[in-house]
Amino acid sequence: FMKDNTYKRDVILGSSSKWRQQLMKEMGISCSIMAADIDEKAIRHKDPATLTLMIARAKADALVSRNLPPAYLITSDQVIFCNGQIRENLKVKRKLENF
């Protein structure tokens, strides 16, 4: 227990993103890394905010189903929304140029 009688829990980052891992490190948050391994392309919605929330929840559900120890679980997702279109994971330069 901590001084204020709260229980200290570990933090799990439900992401394989090196960027998100670096962000946690820069914020001084020590965490375990666990990838959810879900098929994000199977989750669709026309609204980008709803889509990212649905994907983040699916990641959390997949990880919780593994019977994790008590911990704070952080999952997230992001997309680019431009000119009324959702763009995801634009890693290839050609894709960016066509965007």
PDB file of N, CA and C in Angstrom:
ATOM      1  N   PHE A   1       0.832  -1.186   0.000  1.00  0.00           N
ATOM      2  CA  PHE A   1       0.000   0.000   0.000  1.00  0.00           C
ATOM      3  C   PHE A   1       0.880   1.254   0.000  1.00  0.00           C
ATOM      4  N   MET A   2       0.333   2.302  -0.563  1.00  0.00           N
ATOM      5  CA  MET A   2       1.039   3.576  -0.581  1.00  0.00           C
ATOM      6  C   MET A   2       0.665   4.365   0.676  1.00  0.00           C
ATOM      7  N   LYS A   3       1.296   5.504   0.887  1.00  0.00           N
ATOM      8  CA  LYS A   3       1.063   6.305   2.090  1.00  0.00           C
ATOM      9  C   LYS A   3      -0.391   6.705   2.266  1.00  0.00           C
ATOM     10  N   ASP A   4      -1.102   6.941   1.169  1.00  0.00           N
ATOM     11  CA  ASP A   4      -2.497   7.372   1.283  1.00  0.00           C
ATOM     12  C   ASP A   4      -3.477   6.196   1.277  1.00  0.00           C
ATOM     13  N   ASN A   5      -2.975   4.983   1.575  1.00  0.00           N
ATOM     14  CA  ASN A   5      -3.775   3.760   1.661  1.00  0.00           C
ATOM     15  C   ASN A   5      -4.361   3.300   0.321  1.00  0.00           C
ATOM     16  N   THR A   6      -3.849   3.815  -0.770  1.00  0.00           N
ATOM     17  CA  THR A   6      -4.282   3.312  -2.073  1.00  0.00           C
ATOM     18  C   THR A   6      -3.348   2.181  -2.472  1.00  0.00           C
ATOM     19  N   TYR A   7      -3.863   1.280  -3.261  1.00  0.00           N
ATOM     20  CA  TYR A   7      -3.087   0.131  -3.691  1.00  0.00           C
ATOM     21  C   TYR A   7      -2.319   0.491  -4.958  1.00  0.00           C
ATOM     22  N   LYS A   8      -1.029   0.260  -4.937  1.00  0.00           N
ATOM     23  CA  LYS A   8      -0.208   0.535  -6.114  1.00  0.00           C
ATOM     24  C   LYS A   8      -0.363  -0.609  -7.111  1.00  0.00           C
ATOM     25  N   ARG A   9      -0.711  -0.267  -8.337  1.00  0.00           N
ATOM     26  CA  ARG A   9      -0.864  -1.268  -9.386  1.00  0.00           C
ATOM     27  C   ARG A   9       0.149  -1.020 -10.489  1.00  0.00           C
ATOM     28  N   ASP A  10       0.498  -2.083 -11.170  1.00  0.00           N
ATOM     29  CA  ASP A  10       1.373  -1.960 -12.318  1.00  0.00           C
ATOM     30  C   ASP A  10       0.607  -1.334 -13.478  1.00  0.00           C
ATOM     31  N   VAL A  11       1.337  -0.864 -14.467  1.00  0.00           N
ATOM     32  CA  VAL A  11       0.753  -0.291 -15.674  1.00  0.00           C
ATOM     33  C   VAL A  11       1.123  -1.185 -16.853  1.00  0.00           C
ATOM     34  N   ILE A  12       0.130  -1.514 -17.656  1.00  0.00           N
ATOM     35  CA  ILE A  12       0.353  -2.298 -18.871  1.00  0.00           C
ATOM     36  C   ILE A  12      -0.018  -1.418 -20.053  1.00  0.00           C
ATOM     37  N   LEU A  13       0.914  -1.264 -20.983  1.00  0.00           N
ATOM     38  CA  LEU A  13       0.643  -0.559 -22.232  1.00  0.00           C
ATOM     39  C   LEU A  13       0.269  -1.607 -23.268  1.00  0.00           C
ATOM     40  N   GLY A  14      -0.977  -1.574 -23.691  1.00  0.00           N
ATOM     41  CA  GLY A  14      -1.474  -2.549 -24.664  1.00  0.00           C
ATOM     42  C   GLY A  14      -1.186  -2.095 -26.075  1.00  0.00           C
ATOM     43  N   SER A  15       0.092  -2.033 -26.417  1.00  0.00           N
ATOM     44  CA  SER A  15       0.495  -1.520 -27.721  1.00  0.00           C
ATOM     45  C   SER A  15       1.899  -2.006 -28.059  1.00  0.00           C
ATOM     46  N   SER A  16       2.126  -2.288 -29.315  1.00  0.00           N
ATOM     47  CA  SER A  16       3.475  -2.625 -29.768  1.00  0.00           C
ATOM     48  C   SER A  16       4.145  -1.413 -30.414  1.00  0.00           C
ATOM     49  N   SER A  17       3.486  -0.267 -30.339  1.00  0.00           N
ATOM     50  CA  SER A  17       3.997   0.967 -30.936  1.00  0.00           C
ATOM     51  C   SER A  17       5.234   1.467 -30.190  1.00  0.00           C
ATOM     52  N   LYS A  18       6.331   1.588 -30.907  1.00  0.00           N
ATOM     53  CA  LYS A  18       7.563   2.124 -30.306  1.00  0.00           C
ATOM     54  C   LYS A  18       7.359   3.575 -29.887  1.00  0.00           C
ATOM     55  N   TRP A  19       6.550   4.321 -30.660  1.00  0.00           N
ATOM     56  CA  TRP A  19       6.270   5.719 -30.334  1.00  0.00           C
ATOM     57  C   TRP A  19       5.540   5.822 -29.006  1.00  0.00           C
ATOM     58  N   ARG A  20       4.511   4.990 -28.811  1.00  0.00           N
ATOM     59  CA  ARG A  20       3.761   5.033 -27.551  1.00  0.00           C
ATOM     60  C   ARG A  20       4.628   4.593 -26.374  1.00  0.00           C
ATOM     61  N   GLN A  21       5.491   3.606 -26.606  1.00  0.00           N
ATOM     62  CA  GLN A  21       6.395   3.156 -25.554  1.00  0.00           C
ATOM     63  C   GLN A  21       7.349   4.288 -25.156  1.00  0.00           C
ATOM     64  N   GLN A  22       7.864   4.995 -26.139  1.00  0.00           N
ATOM     65  CA  GLN A  22       8.764   6.116 -25.877  1.00  0.00           C
ATOM     66  C   GLN A  22       8.048   7.235 -25.129  1.00  0.00           C
ATOM     67  N   LEU A  23       6.813   7.496 -25.508  1.00  0.00           N
ATOM     68  CA  LEU A  23       6.018   8.521 -24.835  1.00  0.00           C
ATOM     69  C   LEU A  23       5.839   8.194 -23.354  1.00  0.00           C
ATOM     70  N   MET A  24       5.538   6.945 -23.046  1.00  0.00           N
ATOM     71  CA  MET A  24       5.384   6.531 -21.648  1.00  0.00           C
ATOM     72  C   MET A  24       6.701   6.737 -20.891  1.00  0.00           C
ATOM     73  N   LYS A  25       7.796   6.364 -21.525  1.00  0.00           N
ATOM     74  CA  LYS A  25       9.110   6.511 -20.904  1.00  0.00           C
ATOM     75  C   LYS A  25       9.419   7.986 -20.633  1.00  0.00           C
ATOM     76  N   GLU A  26       9.126   8.848 -21.607  1.00  0.00           N
ATOM     77  CA  GLU A  26       9.378  10.283 -21.445  1.00  0.00           C
ATOM     78  C   GLU A  26       8.524  10.885 -20.338  1.00  0.00           C
ATOM     79  N   MET A  27       7.348  10.317 -20.098  1.00  0.00           N
ATOM     80  CA  MET A  27       6.481  10.805 -19.024  1.00  0.00           C
ATOM     81  C   MET A  27       6.860  10.203 -17.677  1.00  0.00           C
ATOM     82  N   GLY A  28       7.869   9.322 -17.669  1.00  0.00           N
ATOM     83  CA  GLY A  28       8.321   8.723 -16.426  1.00  0.00           C
ATOM     84  C   GLY A  28       7.433   7.607 -15.923  1.00  0.00           C
ATOM     85  N   ILE A  29       6.661   7.010 -16.831  1.00  0.00           N
ATOM     86  CA  ILE A  29       5.755   5.933 -16.446  1.00  0.00           C
ATOM     87  C   ILE A  29       6.376   4.591 -16.825  1.00  0.00           C
ATOM     88  N   SER A  30       6.675   3.806 -15.831  1.00  0.00           N
ATOM     89  CA  SER A  30       7.210   2.464 -16.055  1.00  0.00           C
ATOM     90  C   SER A  30       6.048   1.528 -16.361  1.00  0.00           C
ATOM     91  N   CYS A  31       6.172   0.757 -17.428  1.00  0.00           N
ATOM     92  CA  CYS A  31       5.056  -0.110 -17.794  1.00  0.00           C
ATOM     93  C   CYS A  31       5.545  -1.384 -18.479  1.00  0.00           C
ATOM     94  N   SER A  32       4.690  -2.380 -18.425  1.00  0.00           N
ATOM     95  CA  SER A  32       4.903  -3.606 -19.184  1.00  0.00           C
ATOM     96  C   SER A  32       4.259  -3.408 -20.554  1.00  0.00           C
ATOM     97  N   ILE A  33       4.799  -4.067 -21.557  1.00  0.00           N
ATOM     98  CA  ILE A  33       4.287  -3.943 -22.918  1.00  0.00           C
ATOM     99  C   ILE A  33       3.615  -5.256 -23.310  1.00  0.00           C
ATOM    100  N   MET A  34       2.379  -5.155 -23.783  1.00  0.00           N
ATOM    101  CA  MET A  34       1.657  -6.329 -24.271  1.00  0.00           C
ATOM    102  C   MET A  34       0.880  -5.936 -25.522  1.00  0.00           C
ATOM    103  N   ALA A  35       1.131  -6.607 -26.612  1.00  0.00           N
ATOM    104  CA  ALA A  35       0.377  -6.342 -27.838  1.00  0.00           C
ATOM    105  C   ALA A  35      -0.931  -7.129 -27.809  1.00  0.00           C
ATOM    106  N   ALA A  36      -1.994  -6.501 -28.262  1.00  0.00           N
ATOM    107  CA  ALA A  36      -3.308  -7.146 -28.236  1.00  0.00           C
ATOM    108  C   ALA A  36      -3.485  -8.151 -29.370  1.00  0.00           C
ATOM    109  N   ASP A  37      -2.761  -7.966 -30.457  1.00  0.00           N
ATOM    110  CA  ASP A  37      -2.841  -8.880 -31.614  1.00  0.00           C
ATOM    111  C   ASP A  37      -4.280  -9.064 -32.104  1.00  0.00           C
ATOM    112  N   ILE A  38      -4.936  -7.960 -32.394  1.00  0.00           N
ATOM    113  CA  ILE A  38      -6.290  -8.030 -32.954  1.00  0.00           C
ATOM    114  C   ILE A  38      -6.236  -7.633 -34.434  1.00  0.00           C
ATOM    115  N   ASP A  39      -7.275  -7.962 -35.162  1.00  0.00           N
ATOM    116  CA  ASP A  39      -7.388  -7.569 -36.571  1.00  0.00           C
ATOM    117  C   ASP A  39      -8.105  -6.220 -36.626  1.00  0.00           C
ATOM    118  N   GLU A  40      -7.321  -5.152 -36.609  1.00  0.00           N
ATOM    119  CA  GLU A  40      -7.903  -3.813 -36.601  1.00  0.00           C
ATOM    120  C   GLU A  40      -8.706  -3.517 -37.868  1.00  0.00           C
ATOM    121  N   LYS A  41      -8.323  -4.109 -38.965  1.00  0.00           N
ATOM    122  CA  LYS A  41      -9.022  -3.870 -40.237  1.00  0.00           C
ATOM    123  C   LYS A  41     -10.435  -4.456 -40.222  1.00  0.00           C
ATOM    124  N   ALA A  42     -10.696  -5.381 -39.310  1.00  0.00           N
ATOM    125  CA  ALA A  42     -12.033  -5.978 -39.202  1.00  0.00           C
ATOM    126  C   ALA A  42     -13.008  -5.052 -38.464  1.00  0.00           C
ATOM    127  N   ILE A  43     -12.467  -4.019 -37.843  1.00  0.00           N
ATOM    128  CA  ILE A  43     -13.295  -3.065 -37.102  1.00  0.00           C
ATOM    129  C   ILE A  43     -13.443  -1.820 -37.963  1.00  0.00           C
ATOM    130  N   ARG A  44     -14.651  -1.479 -38.317  1.00  0.00           N
ATOM    131  CA  ARG A  44     -14.902  -0.350 -39.222  1.00  0.00           C
ATOM    132  C   ARG A  44     -15.976   0.567 -38.660  1.00  0.00           C
ATOM    133  N   HIS A  45     -15.825   1.841 -38.905  1.00  0.00           N
ATOM    134  CA  HIS A  45     -16.841   2.845 -38.610  1.00  0.00           C
ATOM    135  C   HIS A  45     -16.488   4.092 -39.402  1.00  0.00           C
ATOM    136  N   LYS A  46     -17.485   4.805 -39.867  1.00  0.00           N
ATOM    137  CA  LYS A  46     -17.229   5.986 -40.699  1.00  0.00           C
ATOM    138  C   LYS A  46     -16.750   7.196 -39.901  1.00  0.00           C
ATOM    139  N   ASP A  47     -17.056   7.220 -38.593  1.00  0.00           N
ATOM    140  CA  ASP A  47     -16.627   8.326 -37.747  1.00  0.00           C
ATOM    141  C   ASP A  47     -15.263   8.000 -37.142  1.00  0.00           C
ATOM    142  N   PRO A  48     -14.238   8.836 -37.357  1.00  0.00           N
ATOM    143  CA  PRO A  48     -12.896   8.517 -36.861  1.00  0.00           C
ATOM    144  C   PRO A  48     -12.805   8.404 -35.339  1.00  0.00           C
ATOM    145  N   ALA A  49     -13.529   9.251 -34.607  1.00  0.00           N
ATOM    146  CA  ALA A  49     -13.491   9.171 -33.142  1.00  0.00           C
ATOM    147  C   ALA A  49     -14.093   7.860 -32.653  1.00  0.00           C
ATOM    148  N   THR A  50     -15.200   7.463 -33.265  1.00  0.00           N
ATOM    149  CA  THR A  50     -15.840   6.200 -32.893  1.00  0.00           C
ATOM    150  C   THR A  50     -14.957   5.023 -33.276  1.00  0.00           C
ATOM    151  N   LEU A  51     -14.355   5.087 -34.450  1.00  0.00           N
ATOM    152  CA  LEU A  51     -13.478   4.001 -34.913  1.00  0.00           C
ATOM    153  C   LEU A  51     -12.311   3.790 -33.953  1.00  0.00           C
ATOM    154  N   THR A  52     -11.626   4.870 -33.593  1.00  0.00           N
ATOM    155  CA  THR A  52     -10.473   4.711 -32.706  1.00  0.00           C
ATOM    156  C   THR A  52     -10.885   4.197 -31.326  1.00  0.00           C
ATOM    157  N   LEU A  53     -12.032   4.634 -30.847  1.00  0.00           N
ATOM    158  CA  LEU A  53     -12.534   4.129 -29.566  1.00  0.00           C
ATOM    159  C   LEU A  53     -12.875   2.642 -29.655  1.00  0.00           C
ATOM    160  N   MET A  54     -13.500   2.235 -30.755  1.00  0.00           N
ATOM    161  CA  MET A  54     -13.848   0.817 -30.939  1.00  0.00           C
ATOM    162  C   MET A  54     -12.595  -0.057 -30.986  1.00  0.00           C
ATOM    163  N   ILE A  55     -11.557   0.414 -31.676  1.00  0.00           N
ATOM    164  CA  ILE A  55     -10.315  -0.358 -31.773  1.00  0.00           C
ATOM    165  C   ILE A  55      -9.619  -0.420 -30.413  1.00  0.00           C
ATOM    166  N   ALA A  56      -9.563   0.708 -29.700  1.00  0.00           N
ATOM    167  CA  ALA A  56      -8.930   0.718 -28.380  1.00  0.00           C
ATOM    168  C   ALA A  56      -9.657  -0.221 -27.413  1.00  0.00           C
ATOM    169  N   ARG A  57     -10.983  -0.219 -27.478  1.00  0.00           N
ATOM    170  CA  ARG A  57     -11.757  -1.131 -26.611  1.00  0.00           C
ATOM    171  C   ARG A  57     -11.528  -2.591 -26.998  1.00  0.00           C
ATOM    172  N   ALA A  58     -11.424  -2.876 -28.283  1.00  0.00           N
ATOM    173  CA  ALA A  58     -11.162  -4.249 -28.724  1.00  0.00           C
ATOM    174  C   ALA A  58      -9.795  -4.719 -28.233  1.00  0.00           C
ATOM    175  N   LYS A  59      -8.816  -3.829 -28.263  1.00  0.00           N
ATOM    176  CA  LYS A  59      -7.483  -4.162 -27.736  1.00  0.00           C
ATOM    177  C   LYS A  59      -7.576  -4.473 -26.238  1.00  0.00           C
ATOM    178  N   ALA A  60      -8.292  -3.633 -25.507  1.00  0.00           N
ATOM    179  CA  ALA A  60      -8.442  -3.853 -24.069  1.00  0.00           C
ATOM    180  C   ALA A  60      -9.158  -5.171 -23.791  1.00  0.00           C
ATOM    181  N   ASP A  61     -10.235  -5.434 -24.524  1.00  0.00           N
ATOM    182  CA  ASP A  61     -10.975  -6.690 -24.337  1.00  0.00           C
ATOM    183  C   ASP A  61     -10.084  -7.902 -24.594  1.00  0.00           C
ATOM    184  N   ALA A  62      -9.273  -7.828 -25.645  1.00  0.00           N
ATOM    185  CA  ALA A  62      -8.385  -8.950 -25.975  1.00  0.00           C
ATOM    186  C   ALA A  62      -7.368  -9.180 -24.868  1.00  0.00           C
ATOM    187  N   LEU A  63      -6.848  -8.113 -24.299  1.00  0.00           N
ATOM    188  CA  LEU A  63      -5.852  -8.265 -23.238  1.00  0.00           C
ATOM    189  C   LEU A  63      -6.486  -8.703 -21.917  1.00  0.00           C
ATOM    190  N   VAL A  64      -7.636  -8.160 -21.578  1.00  0.00           N
ATOM    191  CA  VAL A  64      -8.313  -8.545 -20.338  1.00  0.00           C
ATOM    192  C   VAL A  64      -8.681 -10.030 -20.363  1.00  0.00           C
ATOM    193  N   SER A  65      -9.004 -10.545 -21.539  1.00  0.00           N
ATOM    194  CA  SER A  65      -9.371 -11.964 -21.648  1.00  0.00           C
ATOM    195  C   SER A  65      -8.198 -12.887 -21.324  1.00  0.00           C
ATOM    196  N   ARG A  66      -7.002 -12.358 -21.222  1.00  0.00           N
ATOM    197  CA  ARG A  66      -5.817 -13.158 -20.870  1.00  0.00           C
ATOM    198  C   ARG A  66      -5.635 -13.308 -19.368  1.00  0.00           C
ATOM    199  N   ASN A  67      -6.611 -12.849 -18.597  1.00  0.00           N
ATOM    200  CA  ASN A  67      -6.556 -12.942 -17.136  1.00  0.00           C
ATOM    201  C   ASN A  67      -5.294 -12.298 -16.569  1.00  0.00           C
ATOM    202  N   LEU A  68      -5.110 -11.036 -16.890  1.00  0.00           N
ATOM    203  CA  LEU A  68      -3.957 -10.282 -16.416  1.00  0.00           C
ATOM    204  C   LEU A  68      -4.060 -10.043 -14.914  1.00  0.00           C
ATOM    205  N   PRO A  69      -2.916  -9.834 -14.268  1.00  0.00           N
ATOM    206  CA  PRO A  69      -2.964  -9.459 -12.849  1.00  0.00           C
ATOM    207  C   PRO A  69      -3.554  -8.052 -12.734  1.00  0.00           C
ATOM    208  N   PRO A  70      -4.022  -7.663 -11.551  1.00  0.00           N
ATOM    209  CA  PRO A  70      -4.560  -6.309 -11.394  1.00  0.00           C
ATOM    210  C   PRO A  70      -3.535  -5.266 -11.851  1.00  0.00           C
ATOM    211  N   ALA A  71      -3.960  -4.391 -12.756  1.00  0.00           N
ATOM    212  CA  ALA A  71      -3.066  -3.374 -13.309  1.00  0.00           C
ATOM    213  C   ALA A  71      -3.899  -2.314 -14.006  1.00  0.00           C
ATOM    214  N   TYR A  72      -3.285  -1.166 -14.224  1.00  0.00           N
ATOM    215  CA  TYR A  72      -3.890  -0.148 -15.073  1.00  0.00           C
ATOM    216  C   TYR A  72      -3.534  -0.514 -16.505  1.00  0.00           C
ATOM    217  N   LEU A  73      -4.538  -0.664 -17.331  1.00  0.00           N
ATOM    218  CA  LEU A  73      -4.337  -1.066 -18.724  1.00  0.00           C
ATOM    219  C   LEU A  73      -4.604   0.130 -19.626  1.00  0.00           C
ATOM    220  N   ILE A  74      -3.626   0.471 -20.447  1.00  0.00           N
ATOM    221  CA  ILE A  74      -3.757   1.593 -21.375  1.00  0.00           C
ATOM    222  C   ILE A  74      -3.733   1.061 -22.796  1.00  0.00           C
ATOM    223  N   THR A  75      -4.805   1.339 -23.542  1.00  0.00           N
ATOM    224  CA  THR A  75      -4.848   1.009 -24.965  1.00  0.00           C
ATOM    225  C   THR A  75      -5.312   2.255 -25.710  1.00  0.00           C
ATOM    226  N   SER A  76      -4.947   2.349 -26.972  1.00  0.00           N
ATOM    227  CA  SER A  76      -5.346   3.504 -27.767  1.00  0.00           C
ATOM    228  C   SER A  76      -5.224   3.170 -29.245  1.00  0.00           C
ATOM    229  N   ASP A  77      -5.667   4.098 -30.053  1.00  0.00           N
ATOM    230  CA  ASP A  77      -5.507   3.984 -31.496  1.00  0.00           C
ATOM    231  C   ASP A  77      -5.591   5.383 -32.077  1.00  0.00           C
ATOM    232  N   GLN A  78      -5.118   5.526 -33.281  1.00  0.00           N
ATOM    233  CA  GLN A  78      -5.194   6.818 -33.956  1.00  0.00           C
ATOM    234  C   GLN A  78      -5.356   6.608 -35.448  1.00  0.00           C
ATOM    235  N   VAL A  79      -6.004   7.574 -36.070  1.00  0.00           N
ATOM    236  CA  VAL A  79      -6.142   7.586 -37.528  1.00  0.00           C
ATOM    237  C   VAL A  79      -5.963   9.023 -38.002  1.00  0.00           C
ATOM    238  N   ILE A  80      -5.704   9.166 -39.261  1.00  0.00           N
ATOM    239  CA  ILE A  80      -5.685  10.483 -39.891  1.00  0.00           C
ATOM    240  C   ILE A  80      -7.021  10.648 -40.593  1.00  0.00           C
ATOM    241  N   PHE A  81      -7.660  11.789 -40.380  1.00  0.00           N
ATOM    242  CA  PHE A  81      -8.934  12.083 -41.025  1.00  0.00           C
ATOM    243  C   PHE A  81      -8.742  13.364 -41.826  1.00  0.00           C
ATOM    244  N   CYS A  82      -8.816  13.255 -43.143  1.00  0.00           N
ATOM    245  CA  CYS A  82      -8.564  14.396 -44.015  1.00  0.00           C
ATOM    246  C   CYS A  82      -9.506  14.352 -45.211  1.00  0.00           C
ATOM    247  N   ASN A  83     -10.103  15.475 -45.523  1.00  0.00           N
ATOM    248  CA  ASN A  83     -11.023  15.567 -46.665  1.00  0.00           C
ATOM    249  C   ASN A  83     -12.122  14.514 -46.602  1.00  0.00           C
ATOM    250  N   GLY A  84     -12.623  14.268 -45.385  1.00  0.00           N
ATOM    251  CA  GLY A  84     -13.726  13.340 -45.216  1.00  0.00           C
ATOM    252  C   GLY A  84     -13.354  11.872 -45.311  1.00  0.00           C
ATOM    253  N   GLN A  85     -12.049  11.555 -45.331  1.00  0.00           N
ATOM    254  CA  GLN A  85     -11.613  10.163 -45.441  1.00  0.00           C
ATOM    255  C   GLN A  85     -10.718   9.784 -44.268  1.00  0.00           C
ATOM    256  N   ILE A  86     -10.900   8.550 -43.805  1.00  0.00           N
ATOM    257  CA  ILE A  86     -10.052   8.003 -42.749  1.00  0.00           C
ATOM    258  C   ILE A  86      -8.853   7.339 -43.407  1.00  0.00           C
ATOM    259  N   ARG A  87      -7.672   7.699 -42.921  1.00  0.00           N
ATOM    260  CA  ARG A  87      -6.423   7.080 -43.397  1.00  0.00           C
ATOM    261  C   ARG A  87      -5.740   6.465 -42.186  1.00  0.00           C
ATOM    262  N   GLU A  88      -5.325   5.220 -42.337  1.00  0.00           N
ATOM    263  CA  GLU A  88      -4.676   4.532 -41.224  1.00  0.00           C
ATOM    264  C   GLU A  88      -3.281   4.082 -41.614  1.00  0.00           C
ATOM    265  N   ASN A  89      -2.363   4.163 -40.680  1.00  0.00           N
ATOM    266  CA  ASN A  89      -1.017   3.611 -40.836  1.00  0.00           C
ATOM    267  C   ASN A  89      -0.358   3.954 -42.166  1.00  0.00           C
ATOM    268  N   LEU A  90      -0.183   5.229 -42.396  1.00  0.00           N
ATOM    269  CA  LEU A  90       0.468   5.665 -43.633  1.00  0.00           C
ATOM    270  C   LEU A  90       1.981   5.589 -43.456  1.00  0.00           C
ATOM    271  N   LYS A  91       2.519   4.399 -43.573  1.00  0.00           N
ATOM    272  CA  LYS A  91       3.944   4.181 -43.325  1.00  0.00           C
ATOM    273  C   LYS A  91       4.788   4.316 -44.589  1.00  0.00           C
ATOM    274  N   VAL A  92       4.200   4.111 -45.720  1.00  0.00           N
ATOM    275  CA  VAL A  92       4.957   4.097 -46.956  1.00  0.00           C
ATOM    276  C   VAL A  92       4.907   5.476 -47.602  1.00  0.00           C
ATOM    277  N   LYS A  93       6.069   5.963 -48.034  1.00  0.00           N
ATOM    278  CA  LYS A  93       6.157   7.302 -48.605  1.00  0.00           C
ATOM    279  C   LYS A  93       5.191   7.481 -49.770  1.00  0.00           C
ATOM    280  N   ARG A  94       5.051   6.473 -50.618  1.00  0.00           N
ATOM    281  CA  ARG A  94       4.153   6.578 -51.768  1.00  0.00           C
ATOM    282  C   ARG A  94       2.700   6.791 -51.323  1.00  0.00           C
ATOM    283  N   LYS A  95       2.303   6.106 -50.263  1.00  0.00           N
ATOM    284  CA  LYS A  95       0.964   6.301 -49.734  1.00  0.00           C
ATOM    285  C   LYS A  95       0.765   7.737 -49.279  1.00  0.00           C
ATOM    286  N   LEU A  96       1.801   8.308 -48.648  1.00  0.00           N
ATOM    287  CA  LEU A  96       1.709   9.685 -48.204  1.00  0.00           C
ATOM    288  C   LEU A  96       1.610  10.645 -49.392  1.00  0.00           C
ATOM    289  N   GLU A  97       2.376  10.359 -50.429  1.00  0.00           N
ATOM    290  CA  GLU A  97       2.343  11.214 -51.601  1.00  0.00           C
ATOM    291  C   GLU A  97       0.972  11.172 -52.283  1.00  0.00           C
ATOM    292  N   ASN A  98       0.335   9.997 -52.283  1.00  0.00           N
ATOM    293  CA  ASN A  98      -0.986   9.861 -52.885  1.00  0.00           C
ATOM    294  C   ASN A  98      -2.075  10.437 -51.997  1.00  0.00           C
ATOM    295  N   PHE A  99      -1.754  10.615 -50.736  1.00  0.00           N
ATOM    296  CA  PHE A  99      -2.726  11.126 -49.790  1.00  0.00           C
ATOM    297  C   PHE A  99      -2.993  12.579 -50.089  1.00  0.00           C
TER     298      PHE A  99
END
